[in-house]
Amino acid sequence: MEVKSEKGKIISEVISSRIGLQGEGQTLVQGSENDKKSSLSEVFFDAANSLRIELEESWKIANILNFNDQRQLLAEINIKDLESFIFLRKELEMVSLVQKTEIVRLSIQEALVRIKFFGSPEQLKLALAQKDILLNQGSVYWNLQKAYINE
């Protein structure tokens, strides 16, 4: 956060960075002006409030549901054990964008799952990342896995 005094005003600038599970990032810069009579705590409060509003708005835009945009994709899942596969599938179905999941193929080592969802693949990736699930484009199918694997 940077605070400076200019032309009878206190100007603050807050820079916030978010790093995602796969290293992708987003940086927000939010500025605010206050009277010179404002205390430093009031300046900090106003700056934090402005940043909160900006974060909420950017989240809403990124997560807007479009029910007219229905898609599907096939994703491969490496299976460690049946219990973790069932848990991942249940987590998938709890994501608001996911309409339905179907098992297309199942073996001891992997599963191929059809995911029917609303919105774009980028929106689905974001919604899944918020549940610590990674979705990446593979050469033939998408790849799906938990972000943190407990050994």
Protein backbone atom coordinates (compact mmCIF):
# COMPACT_ATOMS: atom_id res chain seq x y z
CA MET A 1 0.00 0.00 0.00
CA GLU A 2 1.25 3.45 -0.87
CA VAL A 3 -0.05 6.62 0.79
CA LYS A 4 0.83 10.14 -0.34
CA SER A 5 -0.45 13.65 0.21
CA GLU A 6 -1.30 15.73 -2.85
CA LYS A 7 -3.30 18.97 -3.28
CA GLY A 8 -5.04 18.81 0.09
CA LYS A 9 -5.97 15.14 -0.33
CA ILE A 10 -4.56 11.88 0.99
CA ILE A 11 -4.22 9.45 -1.90
CA SER A 12 -3.79 5.75 -1.23
CA GLU A 13 -3.06 2.95 -3.67
CA VAL A 14 -3.47 -0.70 -2.75
CA ILE A 15 -2.00 -3.46 -4.90
CA SER A 16 -3.36 -6.97 -4.38
CA SER A 17 -2.08 -10.09 -6.13
CA ARG A 18 -3.64 -13.53 -6.22
CA ILE A 19 -1.72 -16.58 -7.37
CA GLY A 20 -3.82 -19.56 -8.45
CA LEU A 21 -3.16 -23.26 -8.03
CA GLN A 22 -1.39 -23.48 -11.38
CA GLY A 23 0.64 -20.30 -10.99
CA GLU A 24 -1.76 -18.07 -12.94
CA GLY A 25 -2.21 -14.73 -11.31
CA GLN A 26 -4.36 -11.66 -11.08
CA THR A 27 -3.30 -8.26 -9.80
CA LEU A 28 -5.72 -5.54 -8.78
CA VAL A 29 -4.71 -1.91 -8.21
CA GLN A 30 -7.23 0.17 -6.30
CA GLY A 31 -6.86 3.84 -5.45
CA SER A 32 -8.84 6.08 -3.14
CA GLU A 33 -8.82 9.72 -2.05
CA ASN A 34 -9.54 11.12 1.41
CA ASP A 35 -9.56 14.55 3.03
CA LYS A 36 -6.37 15.62 4.71
CA LYS A 37 -8.44 15.65 7.90
CA SER A 38 -8.91 11.85 7.68
CA SER A 39 -6.94 9.72 10.09
CA LEU A 40 -4.58 7.06 8.83
CA SER A 41 -6.96 4.33 10.05
CA GLU A 42 -9.80 5.93 8.01
CA VAL A 43 -7.54 5.97 4.93
CA PHE A 44 -6.69 2.28 5.46
CA PHE A 45 -10.35 1.41 6.02
CA ASP A 46 -11.46 3.20 2.83
CA ALA A 47 -8.68 1.58 0.80
CA ALA A 48 -9.51 -1.90 2.13
CA ASN A 49 -13.22 -1.37 1.48
CA SER A 50 -12.56 -0.22 -2.11
CA LEU A 51 -10.39 -3.29 -2.70
CA ARG A 52 -13.07 -5.58 -1.26
CA ILE A 53 -15.70 -4.13 -3.61
CA GLU A 54 -13.37 -4.52 -6.61
CA LEU A 55 -12.61 -8.15 -5.66
CA GLU A 56 -16.31 -8.95 -5.28
CA GLU A 57 -17.14 -7.44 -8.68
CA SER A 58 -14.34 -9.24 -10.49
CA TRP A 59 -15.39 -12.53 -8.83
CA LYS A 60 -19.02 -12.01 -9.93
CA ILE A 61 -17.96 -11.35 -13.53
CA ALA A 62 -15.71 -14.43 -13.63
CA ASN A 63 -18.36 -16.70 -12.08
CA ILE A 64 -21.54 -15.57 -13.81
CA LEU A 65 -23.68 -18.56 -14.85
CA ASN A 66 -25.04 -18.66 -18.39
CA PHE A 67 -27.67 -21.40 -18.54
CA ASN A 68 -27.96 -20.99 -22.34
CA ASP A 69 -24.33 -22.06 -22.78
CA GLN A 70 -24.35 -25.81 -22.11
CA ARG A 71 -21.22 -27.79 -22.95
CA GLN A 72 -19.55 -31.07 -22.22
CA LEU A 73 -16.03 -32.40 -22.12
CA LEU A 74 -14.29 -35.71 -21.53
CA ALA A 75 -11.76 -35.82 -18.72
CA GLU A 76 -9.33 -38.54 -17.67
CA ILE A 77 -8.77 -39.16 -13.99
CA ASN A 78 -5.86 -41.22 -12.67
CA ILE A 79 -7.24 -43.44 -9.93
CA LYS A 80 -5.23 -43.98 -6.76
CA ASP A 81 -8.05 -45.93 -5.10
CA LEU A 82 -11.81 -46.25 -5.48
CA GLU A 83 -12.54 -44.14 -2.40
CA SER A 84 -10.62 -41.10 -3.69
CA PHE A 85 -12.27 -41.46 -7.13
CA ILE A 86 -15.76 -41.49 -5.57
CA PHE A 87 -14.85 -38.49 -3.39
CA LEU A 88 -13.58 -36.52 -6.44
CA ARG A 89 -16.70 -37.36 -8.42
CA LYS A 90 -18.94 -36.16 -5.56
CA GLU A 91 -16.93 -32.95 -5.30
CA LEU A 92 -17.37 -32.42 -9.06
CA GLU A 93 -21.14 -32.74 -8.76
CA MET A 94 -21.18 -30.10 -6.00
CA VAL A 95 -19.71 -27.45 -8.34
CA SER A 96 -22.50 -25.08 -9.42
CA LEU A 97 -21.46 -25.10 -13.11
CA VAL A 98 -21.55 -28.91 -13.33
CA GLN A 99 -24.90 -30.20 -14.47
CA LYS A 100 -24.04 -33.91 -14.62
CA THR A 101 -21.13 -36.35 -14.65
CA GLU A 102 -21.13 -39.72 -16.38
CA ILE A 103 -18.53 -42.48 -16.26
CA VAL A 104 -17.65 -43.35 -19.85
CA ARG A 105 -14.85 -45.82 -19.12
CA LEU A 106 -13.46 -47.21 -15.87
CA SER A 107 -10.37 -49.31 -15.24
CA ILE A 108 -8.21 -50.03 -12.21
CA GLN A 109 -5.82 -47.18 -13.07
CA GLU A 110 -8.00 -44.51 -14.68
CA ALA A 111 -11.47 -43.29 -15.46
CA LEU A 112 -12.86 -41.34 -18.38
CA VAL A 113 -15.68 -39.05 -17.25
CA ARG A 114 -18.08 -36.92 -19.30
CA ILE A 115 -18.76 -33.61 -17.58
CA LYS A 116 -21.82 -31.65 -18.68
CA PHE A 117 -21.59 -28.06 -17.53
CA PHE A 118 -22.74 -24.48 -18.05
CA GLY A 119 -20.40 -21.76 -19.32
CA SER A 120 -16.96 -21.91 -20.88
CA PRO A 121 -14.14 -24.36 -20.09
CA GLU A 122 -12.24 -21.43 -18.51
CA GLN A 123 -15.15 -20.80 -16.13
CA LEU A 124 -15.26 -24.51 -15.29
CA LYS A 125 -11.50 -24.50 -14.61
CA LEU A 126 -11.94 -21.54 -12.26
CA ALA A 127 -14.91 -23.08 -10.43
CA LEU A 128 -13.02 -26.36 -10.01
CA ALA A 129 -9.85 -24.59 -8.84
CA GLN A 130 -11.92 -22.98 -6.08
CA LYS A 131 -12.59 -26.57 -4.89
CA ASP A 132 -8.88 -27.51 -5.24
CA ILE A 133 -9.50 -29.52 -8.41
CA LEU A 134 -7.24 -28.99 -11.42
CA LEU A 135 -8.56 -29.27 -14.98
CA ASN A 136 -6.01 -29.14 -17.81
CA GLN A 137 -6.30 -29.64 -21.56
CA GLY A 138 -4.54 -32.84 -22.60
CA SER A 139 -3.61 -34.03 -26.09
CA VAL A 140 -6.86 -36.00 -26.50
CA TYR A 141 -8.88 -35.57 -23.31
CA TRP A 142 -8.89 -33.07 -20.48
CA ASN A 143 -7.04 -34.15 -17.32
CA LEU A 144 -8.69 -33.87 -13.92
CA GLN A 145 -7.03 -34.24 -10.51
CA LYS A 146 -7.07 -32.99 -6.96
CA ALA A 147 -4.67 -30.09 -6.46
CA TYR A 148 -3.33 -31.55 -3.22
CA ILE A 149 -2.83 -35.29 -3.08
CA ASN A 150 -2.46 -36.77 0.40
CA GLU A 151 0.13 -39.53 0.35
